[in-house]
All heavy atoms as atom14 arrays in JSON, in Angstrom:
{
  "sequence": "DSYDPVRDAFAVYDPHQTGFIDTGTLRRIFHDLGYGEIADEDVDVLV",
  "atom14_mask": [
    [1, 1, 1, 1, 1, 1, 1, 1, 0, 0, 0, 0, 0, 0],
    [1, 1, 1, 1, 1, 1, 0, 0, 0, 0, 0, 0, 0, 0],
    [1, 1, 1, 1, 1, 1, 1, 1, 1, 1, 1, 1, 0, 0],
    [1, 1, 1, 1, 1, 1, 1, 1, 0, 0, 0, 0, 0, 0],
    [1, 1, 1, 1, 1, 1, 1, 0, 0, 0, 0, 0, 0, 0],
    [1, 1, 1, 1, 1, 1, 1, 0, 0, 0, 0, 0, 0, 0],
    [1, 1, 1, 1, 1, 1, 1, 1, 1, 1, 1, 0, 0, 0],
    [1, 1, 1, 1, 1, 1, 1, 1, 0, 0, 0, 0, 0, 0],
    [1, 1, 1, 1, 1, 0, 0, 0, 0, 0, 0, 0, 0, 0],
    [1, 1, 1, 1, 1, 1, 1, 1, 1, 1, 1, 0, 0, 0],
    [1, 1, 1, 1, 1, 0, 0, 0, 0, 0, 0, 0, 0, 0],
    [1, 1, 1, 1, 1, 1, 1, 0, 0, 0, 0, 0, 0, 0],
    [1, 1, 1, 1, 1, 1, 1, 1, 1, 1, 1, 1, 0, 0],
    [1, 1, 1, 1, 1, 1, 1, 1, 0, 0, 0, 0, 0, 0],
    [1, 1, 1, 1, 1, 1, 1, 0, 0, 0, 0, 0, 0, 0],
    [1, 1, 1, 1, 1, 1, 1, 1, 1, 1, 0, 0, 0, 0],
    [1, 1, 1, 1, 1, 1, 1, 1, 1, 0, 0, 0, 0, 0],
    [1, 1, 1, 1, 1, 1, 1, 0, 0, 0, 0, 0, 0, 0],
    [1, 1, 1, 1, 0, 0, 0, 0, 0, 0, 0, 0, 0, 0],
    [1, 1, 1, 1, 1, 1, 1, 1, 1, 1, 1, 0, 0, 0],
    [1, 1, 1, 1, 1, 1, 1, 1, 0, 0, 0, 0, 0, 0],
    [1, 1, 1, 1, 1, 1, 1, 1, 0, 0, 0, 0, 0, 0],
    [1, 1, 1, 1, 1, 1, 1, 0, 0, 0, 0, 0, 0, 0],
    [1, 1, 1, 1, 0, 0, 0, 0, 0, 0, 0, 0, 0, 0],
    [1, 1, 1, 1, 1, 1, 1, 0, 0, 0, 0, 0, 0, 0],
    [1, 1, 1, 1, 1, 1, 1, 1, 0, 0, 0, 0, 0, 0],
    [1, 1, 1, 1, 1, 1, 1, 1, 1, 1, 1, 0, 0, 0],
    [1, 1, 1, 1, 1, 1, 1, 1, 1, 1, 1, 0, 0, 0],
    [1, 1, 1, 1, 1, 1, 1, 1, 0, 0, 0, 0, 0, 0],
    [1, 1, 1, 1, 1, 1, 1, 1, 1, 1, 1, 0, 0, 0],
    [1, 1, 1, 1, 1, 1, 1, 1, 1, 1, 0, 0, 0, 0],
    [1, 1, 1, 1, 1, 1, 1, 1, 0, 0, 0, 0, 0, 0],
    [1, 1, 1, 1, 1, 1, 1, 1, 0, 0, 0, 0, 0, 0],
    [1, 1, 1, 1, 0, 0, 0, 0, 0, 0, 0, 0, 0, 0],
    [1, 1, 1, 1, 1, 1, 1, 1, 1, 1, 1, 1, 0, 0],
    [1, 1, 1, 1, 0, 0, 0, 0, 0, 0, 0, 0, 0, 0],
    [1, 1, 1, 1, 1, 1, 1, 1, 1, 0, 0, 0, 0, 0],
    [1, 1, 1, 1, 1, 1, 1, 1, 0, 0, 0, 0, 0, 0],
    [1, 1, 1, 1, 1, 0, 0, 0, 0, 0, 0, 0, 0, 0],
    [1, 1, 1, 1, 1, 1, 1, 1, 0, 0, 0, 0, 0, 0],
    [1, 1, 1, 1, 1, 1, 1, 1, 1, 0, 0, 0, 0, 0],
    [1, 1, 1, 1, 1, 1, 1, 1, 0, 0, 0, 0, 0, 0],
    [1, 1, 1, 1, 1, 1, 1, 0, 0, 0, 0, 0, 0, 0],
    [1, 1, 1, 1, 1, 1, 1, 1, 0, 0, 0, 0, 0, 0],
    [1, 1, 1, 1, 1, 1, 1, 0, 0, 0, 0, 0, 0, 0],
    [1, 1, 1, 1, 1, 1, 1, 1, 0, 0, 0, 0, 0, 0],
    [1, 1, 1, 1, 1, 1, 1, 0, 0, 0, 0, 0, 0, 0]
  ],
  "atom14_positions": [
    [[111.58, 85.93, 114.18], [111.21, 87.1, 114.95], [111.67, 88.4, 114.29], [111.05, 89.44, 114.47], [111.8, 87.04, 116.36], [111.12, 85.97, 117.21], [109.99, 85.56, 116.87], [111.73, 85.55, 118.21], [0.0, 0.0, 0.0], [0.0, 0.0, 0.0], [0.0, 0.0, 0.0], [0.0, 0.0, 0.0], [0.0, 0.0, 0.0], [0.0, 0.0, 0.0]],
    [[112.74, 88.36, 113.52], [113.26, 89.56, 112.9], [112.76, 89.75, 111.47], [113.12, 90.74, 110.83], [114.79, 89.55, 112.93], [115.28, 88.47, 112.15], [0.0, 0.0, 0.0], [0.0, 0.0, 0.0], [0.0, 0.0, 0.0], [0.0, 0.0, 0.0], [0.0, 0.0, 0.0], [0.0, 0.0, 0.0], [0.0, 0.0, 0.0], [0.0, 0.0, 0.0]],
    [[111.96, 88.85, 110.99], [111.44, 88.95, 109.62], [110.48, 90.13, 109.51], [109.56, 90.28, 110.3], [110.73, 87.65, 109.22], [110.1, 87.72, 107.85], [110.88, 87.83, 106.71], [108.72, 87.7, 107.7], [110.3, 87.92, 105.45], [108.14, 87.78, 106.45], [108.93, 87.89, 105.33], [108.35, 87.97, 104.09], [0.0, 0.0, 0.0], [0.0, 0.0, 0.0]],
    [[110.71, 90.98, 108.55], [109.89, 92.16, 108.32], [109.53, 92.21, 106.84], [110.32, 92.69, 106.02], [110.66, 93.41, 108.74], [109.86, 94.68, 108.6], [108.76, 94.67, 108.02], [110.36, 95.72, 109.08], [0.0, 0.0, 0.0], [0.0, 0.0, 0.0], [0.0, 0.0, 0.0], [0.0, 0.0, 0.0], [0.0, 0.0, 0.0], [0.0, 0.0, 0.0]],
    [[108.35, 91.71, 106.46], [108.0, 91.65, 105.04], [107.91, 93.02, 104.39], [108.22, 93.16, 103.2], [106.65, 90.93, 105.03], [106.1, 91.09, 106.41], [107.29, 91.19, 107.31], [0.0, 0.0, 0.0], [0.0, 0.0, 0.0], [0.0, 0.0, 0.0], [0.0, 0.0, 0.0], [0.0, 0.0, 0.0], [0.0, 0.0, 0.0], [0.0, 0.0, 0.0]],
    [[107.52, 94.04, 105.13], [107.45, 95.39, 104.54], [108.86, 95.9, 104.24], [109.1, 96.46, 103.18], [106.69, 96.36, 105.47], [106.71, 97.78, 104.91], [105.25, 95.89, 105.67], [0.0, 0.0, 0.0], [0.0, 0.0, 0.0], [0.0, 0.0, 0.0], [0.0, 0.0, 0.0], [0.0, 0.0, 0.0], [0.0, 0.0, 0.0], [0.0, 0.0, 0.0]],
    [[109.79, 95.67, 105.15], [111.18, 96.07, 104.91], [111.74, 95.32, 103.7], [112.43, 95.9, 102.86], [112.04, 95.8, 106.14], [113.49, 96.29, 105.94], [114.38, 95.99, 107.12], [114.42, 94.54, 107.34], [114.26, 93.95, 108.51], [114.06, 94.66, 109.6], [114.3, 92.64, 108.62], [0.0, 0.0, 0.0], [0.0, 0.0, 0.0], [0.0, 0.0, 0.0]],
    [[111.42, 94.03, 103.59], [111.89, 93.25, 102.45], [111.29, 93.76, 101.14], [111.98, 93.83, 100.12], [111.58, 91.77, 102.63], [112.43, 91.13, 103.71], [113.4, 91.77, 104.19], [112.14, 89.98, 104.09], [0.0, 0.0, 0.0], [0.0, 0.0, 0.0], [0.0, 0.0, 0.0], [0.0, 0.0, 0.0], [0.0, 0.0, 0.0], [0.0, 0.0, 0.0]],
    [[110.01, 94.13, 101.17], [109.37, 94.69, 99.96], [109.99, 96.04, 99.62], [110.24, 96.34, 98.45], [107.87, 94.83, 100.17], [0.0, 0.0, 0.0], [0.0, 0.0, 0.0], [0.0, 0.0, 0.0], [0.0, 0.0, 0.0], [0.0, 0.0, 0.0], [0.0, 0.0, 0.0], [0.0, 0.0, 0.0], [0.0, 0.0, 0.0], [0.0, 0.0, 0.0]],
    [[110.26, 96.86, 100.64], [110.87, 98.17, 100.42], [112.23, 98.02, 99.74], [112.59, 98.84, 98.89], [111.01, 98.9, 101.75], [111.6, 100.28, 101.62], [110.81, 101.35, 101.24], [112.94, 100.5, 101.9], [111.35, 102.62, 101.12], [113.49, 101.77, 101.79], [112.69, 102.83, 101.4], [0.0, 0.0, 0.0], [0.0, 0.0, 0.0], [0.0, 0.0, 0.0]],
    [[112.97, 96.98, 100.1], [114.3, 96.76, 99.52], [114.23, 96.62, 98.01], [115.18, 97.0, 97.3], [114.95, 95.53, 100.15], [0.0, 0.0, 0.0], [0.0, 0.0, 0.0], [0.0, 0.0, 0.0], [0.0, 0.0, 0.0], [0.0, 0.0, 0.0], [0.0, 0.0, 0.0], [0.0, 0.0, 0.0], [0.0, 0.0, 0.0], [0.0, 0.0, 0.0]],
    [[113.13, 96.12, 97.48], [112.96, 96.01, 96.03], [112.91, 97.39, 95.4], [113.45, 97.62, 94.32], [111.67, 95.22, 95.68], [111.37, 95.25, 94.21], [111.77, 93.8, 96.19], [0.0, 0.0, 0.0], [0.0, 0.0, 0.0], [0.0, 0.0, 0.0], [0.0, 0.0, 0.0], [0.0, 0.0, 0.0], [0.0, 0.0, 0.0], [0.0, 0.0, 0.0]],
    [[112.3, 98.34, 96.11], [112.16, 99.71, 95.61], [113.36, 100.58, 95.96], [113.45, 101.72, 95.53], [110.88, 100.35, 96.16], [109.64, 99.63, 95.73], [108.99, 98.73, 96.57], [109.12, 99.82, 94.45], [107.85, 98.06, 96.17], [107.98, 99.15, 94.04], [107.36, 98.28, 94.9], [106.23, 97.61, 94.5], [0.0, 0.0, 0.0], [0.0, 0.0, 0.0]],
    [[114.26, 100.07, 96.77], [115.47, 100.78, 97.18], [116.69, 99.92, 96.87], [117.43, 99.51, 97.78], [115.39, 101.11, 98.68], [116.59, 101.88, 99.19], [117.28, 102.54, 98.38], [116.84, 101.83, 100.41], [0.0, 0.0, 0.0], [0.0, 0.0, 0.0], [0.0, 0.0, 0.0], [0.0, 0.0, 0.0], [0.0, 0.0, 0.0], [0.0, 0.0, 0.0]],
    [[116.93, 99.63, 95.59], [118.01, 98.69, 95.24], [119.41, 99.21, 95.58], [120.33, 98.42, 95.73], [117.84, 98.51, 93.73], [117.18, 99.77, 93.27], [116.27, 100.16, 94.4], [0.0, 0.0, 0.0], [0.0, 0.0, 0.0], [0.0, 0.0, 0.0], [0.0, 0.0, 0.0], [0.0, 0.0, 0.0], [0.0, 0.0, 0.0], [0.0, 0.0, 0.0]],
    [[119.56, 100.51, 95.73], [120.87, 101.08, 96.05], [121.06, 101.28, 97.55], [122.07, 101.83, 97.98], [121.06, 102.41, 95.32], [120.84, 102.31, 93.84], [121.67, 101.61, 93.0], [119.84, 102.78, 93.06], [121.21, 101.66, 91.77], [120.1, 102.36, 91.78], [0.0, 0.0, 0.0], [0.0, 0.0, 0.0], [0.0, 0.0, 0.0], [0.0, 0.0, 0.0]],
    [[120.06, 100.85, 98.32], [120.09, 100.9, 99.78], [120.39, 102.31, 100.3], [121.18, 102.5, 101.2], [121.09, 99.89, 100.34], [120.74, 98.48, 99.96], [121.77, 97.47, 100.43], [122.82, 97.8, 100.95], [121.45, 96.2, 100.23], [0.0, 0.0, 0.0], [0.0, 0.0, 0.0], [0.0, 0.0, 0.0], [0.0, 0.0, 0.0], [0.0, 0.0, 0.0]],
    [[119.68, 103.28, 99.72], [119.83, 104.67, 100.16], [118.91, 105.01, 101.33], [119.08, 106.04, 101.97], [119.51, 105.64, 99.01], [118.14, 105.45, 98.62], [120.43, 105.43, 97.82], [0.0, 0.0, 0.0], [0.0, 0.0, 0.0], [0.0, 0.0, 0.0], [0.0, 0.0, 0.0], [0.0, 0.0, 0.0], [0.0, 0.0, 0.0], [0.0, 0.0, 0.0]],
    [[117.9, 104.16, 101.55], [116.91, 104.46, 102.58], [115.69, 105.16, 102.02], [114.76, 105.46, 102.75], [0.0, 0.0, 0.0], [0.0, 0.0, 0.0], [0.0, 0.0, 0.0], [0.0, 0.0, 0.0], [0.0, 0.0, 0.0], [0.0, 0.0, 0.0], [0.0, 0.0, 0.0], [0.0, 0.0, 0.0], [0.0, 0.0, 0.0], [0.0, 0.0, 0.0]],
    [[115.71, 105.41, 100.72], [114.61, 106.1, 100.06], [114.33, 105.48, 98.7], [115.22, 104.93, 98.07], [114.95, 107.58, 99.85], [115.29, 108.29, 101.12], [116.6, 108.55, 101.46], [114.29, 108.69, 101.99], [116.93, 109.2, 102.63], [114.59, 109.34, 103.17], [115.91, 109.59, 103.49], [0.0, 0.0, 0.0], [0.0, 0.0, 0.0], [0.0, 0.0, 0.0]],
    [[113.08, 105.61, 98.26], [112.71, 105.18, 96.91], [112.97, 106.37, 96.0], [112.37, 107.44, 96.17], [111.24, 104.77, 96.84], [110.96, 103.6, 97.79], [110.85, 104.42, 95.41], [109.49, 103.24, 97.93], [0.0, 0.0, 0.0], [0.0, 0.0, 0.0], [0.0, 0.0, 0.0], [0.0, 0.0, 0.0], [0.0, 0.0, 0.0], [0.0, 0.0, 0.0]],
    [[113.88, 106.23, 95.05], [114.17, 107.36, 94.18], [113.27, 107.35, 92.94], [112.66, 106.35, 92.61], [115.66, 107.4, 93.8], [116.1, 106.22, 92.95], [115.53, 106.0, 91.87], [117.03, 105.52, 93.38], [0.0, 0.0, 0.0], [0.0, 0.0, 0.0], [0.0, 0.0, 0.0], [0.0, 0.0, 0.0], [0.0, 0.0, 0.0], [0.0, 0.0, 0.0]],
    [[113.19, 108.49, 92.3], [112.28, 108.65, 91.16], [112.7, 107.78, 89.99], [111.84, 107.32, 89.24], [112.18, 110.12, 90.73], [113.49, 110.63, 90.43], [111.55, 110.97, 91.83], [0.0, 0.0, 0.0], [0.0, 0.0, 0.0], [0.0, 0.0, 0.0], [0.0, 0.0, 0.0], [0.0, 0.0, 0.0], [0.0, 0.0, 0.0], [0.0, 0.0, 0.0]],
    [[113.98, 107.53, 89.84], [114.43, 106.66, 88.76], [113.9, 105.24, 88.94], [113.5, 104.59, 87.96], [0.0, 0.0, 0.0], [0.0, 0.0, 0.0], [0.0, 0.0, 0.0], [0.0, 0.0, 0.0], [0.0, 0.0, 0.0], [0.0, 0.0, 0.0], [0.0, 0.0, 0.0], [0.0, 0.0, 0.0], [0.0, 0.0, 0.0], [0.0, 0.0, 0.0]],
    [[113.87, 104.78, 90.17], [113.33, 103.46, 90.45], [111.83, 103.42, 90.2], [111.31, 102.46, 89.64], [113.65, 103.04, 91.9], [115.08, 103.04, 92.08], [113.1, 101.67, 92.23], [0.0, 0.0, 0.0], [0.0, 0.0, 0.0], [0.0, 0.0, 0.0], [0.0, 0.0, 0.0], [0.0, 0.0, 0.0], [0.0, 0.0, 0.0], [0.0, 0.0, 0.0]],
    [[111.12, 104.48, 90.6], [109.68, 104.55, 90.31], [109.43, 104.46, 88.81], [108.55, 103.73, 88.36], [109.08, 105.85, 90.86], [108.83, 105.92, 92.34], [108.36, 107.32, 92.72], [107.82, 104.89, 92.79], [0.0, 0.0, 0.0], [0.0, 0.0, 0.0], [0.0, 0.0, 0.0], [0.0, 0.0, 0.0], [0.0, 0.0, 0.0], [0.0, 0.0, 0.0]],
    [[110.22, 105.19, 88.06], [110.07, 105.17, 86.59], [110.3, 103.77, 86.03], [109.56, 103.29, 85.18], [111.03, 106.15, 85.95], [110.69, 107.59, 86.19], [111.75, 108.5, 85.56], [111.53, 109.87, 85.92], [110.59, 110.65, 85.39], [109.8, 110.18, 84.46], [110.46, 111.89, 85.78], [0.0, 0.0, 0.0], [0.0, 0.0, 0.0], [0.0, 0.0, 0.0]],
    [[111.36, 103.11, 86.53], [111.69, 101.77, 86.05], [110.58, 100.78, 86.37], [110.19, 99.95, 85.55], [113.01, 101.29, 86.65], [113.4, 99.88, 86.17], [114.63, 99.35, 86.88], [114.61, 99.46, 88.32], [113.95, 98.61, 89.13], [113.25, 97.62, 88.63], [114.01, 98.76, 90.44], [0.0, 0.0, 0.0], [0.0, 0.0, 0.0], [0.0, 0.0, 0.0]],
    [[110.04, 100.87, 87.58], [108.98, 99.96, 88.0], [107.75, 100.12, 87.1], [107.18, 99.14, 86.63], [108.63, 100.16, 89.48], [109.79, 99.66, 90.34], [107.32, 99.48, 89.85], [109.73, 100.09, 91.78], [0.0, 0.0, 0.0], [0.0, 0.0, 0.0], [0.0, 0.0, 0.0], [0.0, 0.0, 0.0], [0.0, 0.0, 0.0], [0.0, 0.0, 0.0]],
    [[107.35, 101.36, 86.86], [106.19, 101.59, 86.0], [106.46, 101.09, 84.58], [105.58, 100.5, 83.95], [105.8, 103.06, 86.0], [104.83, 103.39, 87.09], [105.27, 103.58, 88.39], [103.48, 103.48, 86.83], [104.38, 103.86, 89.41], [102.57, 103.76, 87.83], [103.03, 103.95, 89.13], [0.0, 0.0, 0.0], [0.0, 0.0, 0.0], [0.0, 0.0, 0.0]],
    [[107.67, 101.3, 84.11], [108.03, 100.81, 82.78], [107.98, 99.28, 82.74], [107.4, 98.68, 81.83], [109.41, 101.31, 82.38], [109.81, 100.91, 81.01], [110.53, 99.77, 80.76], [109.56, 101.49, 79.81], [110.72, 99.65, 79.46], [110.15, 100.68, 78.86], [0.0, 0.0, 0.0], [0.0, 0.0, 0.0], [0.0, 0.0, 0.0], [0.0, 0.0, 0.0]],
    [[108.57, 98.64, 83.76], [108.6, 97.18, 83.83], [107.2, 96.58, 83.96], [106.97, 95.45, 83.53], [109.48, 96.71, 84.98], [110.96, 96.98, 84.76], [111.34, 97.4, 83.64], [111.73, 96.81, 85.73], [0.0, 0.0, 0.0], [0.0, 0.0, 0.0], [0.0, 0.0, 0.0], [0.0, 0.0, 0.0], [0.0, 0.0, 0.0], [0.0, 0.0, 0.0]],
    [[106.28, 97.32, 84.56], [104.9, 96.85, 84.69], [104.09, 97.04, 83.41], [102.94, 96.64, 83.35], [104.2, 97.57, 85.85], [104.68, 97.18, 87.24], [104.06, 98.1, 88.29], [104.35, 95.73, 87.54], [0.0, 0.0, 0.0], [0.0, 0.0, 0.0], [0.0, 0.0, 0.0], [0.0, 0.0, 0.0], [0.0, 0.0, 0.0], [0.0, 0.0, 0.0]],
    [[104.73, 97.65, 82.4], [104.06, 97.81, 81.12], [103.32, 99.13, 80.94], [102.57, 99.29, 79.99], [0.0, 0.0, 0.0], [0.0, 0.0, 0.0], [0.0, 0.0, 0.0], [0.0, 0.0, 0.0], [0.0, 0.0, 0.0], [0.0, 0.0, 0.0], [0.0, 0.0, 0.0], [0.0, 0.0, 0.0], [0.0, 0.0, 0.0], [0.0, 0.0, 0.0]],
    [[103.56, 100.08, 81.85], [102.89, 101.37, 81.75], [103.66, 102.36, 80.89], [103.2, 103.49, 80.68], [102.65, 101.97, 83.14], [101.67, 101.18, 83.95], [102.09, 100.42, 85.05], [100.32, 101.17, 83.63], [101.19, 99.68, 85.79], [99.42, 100.43, 84.37], [99.86, 99.7, 85.45], [98.97, 98.97, 86.19], [0.0, 0.0, 0.0], [0.0, 0.0, 0.0]],
    [[104.82, 102.0, 80.4], [105.62, 102.88, 79.56], [106.29, 103.97, 80.38], [106.51, 103.83, 81.58], [0.0, 0.0, 0.0], [0.0, 0.0, 0.0], [0.0, 0.0, 0.0], [0.0, 0.0, 0.0], [0.0, 0.0, 0.0], [0.0, 0.0, 0.0], [0.0, 0.0, 0.0], [0.0, 0.0, 0.0], [0.0, 0.0, 0.0], [0.0, 0.0, 0.0]],
    [[106.58, 105.05, 79.69], [107.23, 106.18, 80.34], [106.23, 106.93, 81.21], [105.08, 107.11, 80.81], [107.83, 107.13, 79.3], [108.91, 106.5, 78.45], [110.11, 106.02, 79.27], [110.56, 106.76, 80.17], [110.58, 104.9, 79.01], [0.0, 0.0, 0.0], [0.0, 0.0, 0.0], [0.0, 0.0, 0.0], [0.0, 0.0, 0.0], [0.0, 0.0, 0.0]],
    [[106.66, 107.38, 82.36], [105.8, 108.12, 83.26], [106.26, 109.58, 83.28], [107.47, 109.86, 83.34], [105.8, 107.5, 84.67], [104.82, 108.21, 85.58], [107.17, 107.45, 85.26], [104.57, 107.47, 86.89], [0.0, 0.0, 0.0], [0.0, 0.0, 0.0], [0.0, 0.0, 0.0], [0.0, 0.0, 0.0], [0.0, 0.0, 0.0], [0.0, 0.0, 0.0]],
    [[105.32, 110.49, 83.16], [105.62, 111.92, 83.1], [106.16, 112.42, 84.44], [105.83, 111.88, 85.51], [104.36, 112.7, 82.73], [0.0, 0.0, 0.0], [0.0, 0.0, 0.0], [0.0, 0.0, 0.0], [0.0, 0.0, 0.0], [0.0, 0.0, 0.0], [0.0, 0.0, 0.0], [0.0, 0.0, 0.0], [0.0, 0.0, 0.0], [0.0, 0.0, 0.0]],
    [[106.97, 113.47, 84.39], [107.52, 114.07, 85.59], [106.42, 114.46, 86.57], [106.56, 114.27, 87.78], [108.34, 115.32, 85.26], [109.63, 115.0, 84.51], [110.07, 113.84, 84.54], [110.19, 115.93, 83.89], [0.0, 0.0, 0.0], [0.0, 0.0, 0.0], [0.0, 0.0, 0.0], [0.0, 0.0, 0.0], [0.0, 0.0, 0.0], [0.0, 0.0, 0.0]],
    [[105.34, 115.01, 86.04], [104.22, 115.43, 86.9], [103.62, 114.23, 87.64], [103.23, 114.35, 88.8], [103.13, 116.13, 86.09], [103.58, 117.42, 85.42], [104.33, 117.2, 84.11], [104.28, 116.08, 83.53], [105.0, 118.15, 83.67], [0.0, 0.0, 0.0], [0.0, 0.0, 0.0], [0.0, 0.0, 0.0], [0.0, 0.0, 0.0], [0.0, 0.0, 0.0]],
    [[103.54, 113.1, 86.97], [102.99, 111.89, 87.61], [103.92, 111.36, 88.69], [103.46, 110.9, 89.74], [102.7, 110.82, 86.57], [101.58, 111.21, 85.62], [100.71, 112.01, 86.02], [101.58, 110.72, 84.47], [0.0, 0.0, 0.0], [0.0, 0.0, 0.0], [0.0, 0.0, 0.0], [0.0, 0.0, 0.0], [0.0, 0.0, 0.0], [0.0, 0.0, 0.0]],
    [[105.21, 111.43, 88.45], [106.18, 111.02, 89.46], [106.05, 111.94, 90.68], [106.04, 111.47, 91.83], [107.63, 111.05, 88.92], [108.64, 110.85, 90.04], [107.82, 110.0, 87.85], [0.0, 0.0, 0.0], [0.0, 0.0, 0.0], [0.0, 0.0, 0.0], [0.0, 0.0, 0.0], [0.0, 0.0, 0.0], [0.0, 0.0, 0.0], [0.0, 0.0, 0.0]],
    [[105.91, 113.24, 90.42], [105.74, 114.19, 91.53], [104.5, 113.86, 92.36], [104.52, 113.94, 93.59], [105.65, 115.62, 91.01], [106.96, 116.11, 90.42], [108.02, 115.5, 90.67], [106.92, 117.13, 89.68], [0.0, 0.0, 0.0], [0.0, 0.0, 0.0], [0.0, 0.0, 0.0], [0.0, 0.0, 0.0], [0.0, 0.0, 0.0], [0.0, 0.0, 0.0]],
    [[103.42, 113.49, 91.69], [102.18, 113.14, 92.39], [102.4, 111.88, 93.23], [101.98, 111.82, 94.39], [101.01, 112.95, 91.4], [99.81, 112.31, 92.08], [100.62, 114.28, 90.79], [0.0, 0.0, 0.0], [0.0, 0.0, 0.0], [0.0, 0.0, 0.0], [0.0, 0.0, 0.0], [0.0, 0.0, 0.0], [0.0, 0.0, 0.0], [0.0, 0.0, 0.0]],
    [[103.05, 110.88, 92.67], [103.32, 109.64, 93.41], [104.15, 109.91, 94.67], [103.82, 109.42, 95.75], [104.05, 108.63, 92.53], [103.24, 107.98, 91.43], [104.16, 107.21, 90.5], [102.19, 107.08, 92.02], [0.0, 0.0, 0.0], [0.0, 0.0, 0.0], [0.0, 0.0, 0.0], [0.0, 0.0, 0.0], [0.0, 0.0, 0.0], [0.0, 0.0, 0.0]],
    [[105.18, 110.71, 94.52], [106.02, 111.03, 95.68], [105.2, 111.81, 96.71], [105.24, 111.52, 97.9], [107.29, 111.81, 95.26], [108.03, 112.33, 96.48], [108.19, 110.93, 94.41], [0.0, 0.0, 0.0], [0.0, 0.0, 0.0], [0.0, 0.0, 0.0], [0.0, 0.0, 0.0], [0.0, 0.0, 0.0], [0.0, 0.0, 0.0], [0.0, 0.0, 0.0]]
  ]
}
């Protein structure tokens, strides 16, 4: 009853448990997915 798959997925993007997805994590995810470095402007658009 308490299982929340969205909350569990969010935890992957919030590894420091701040309650927010930080830009450093966004950059790491894109890098890990093989997209390389992401420009500041692109991070701003994502946020």
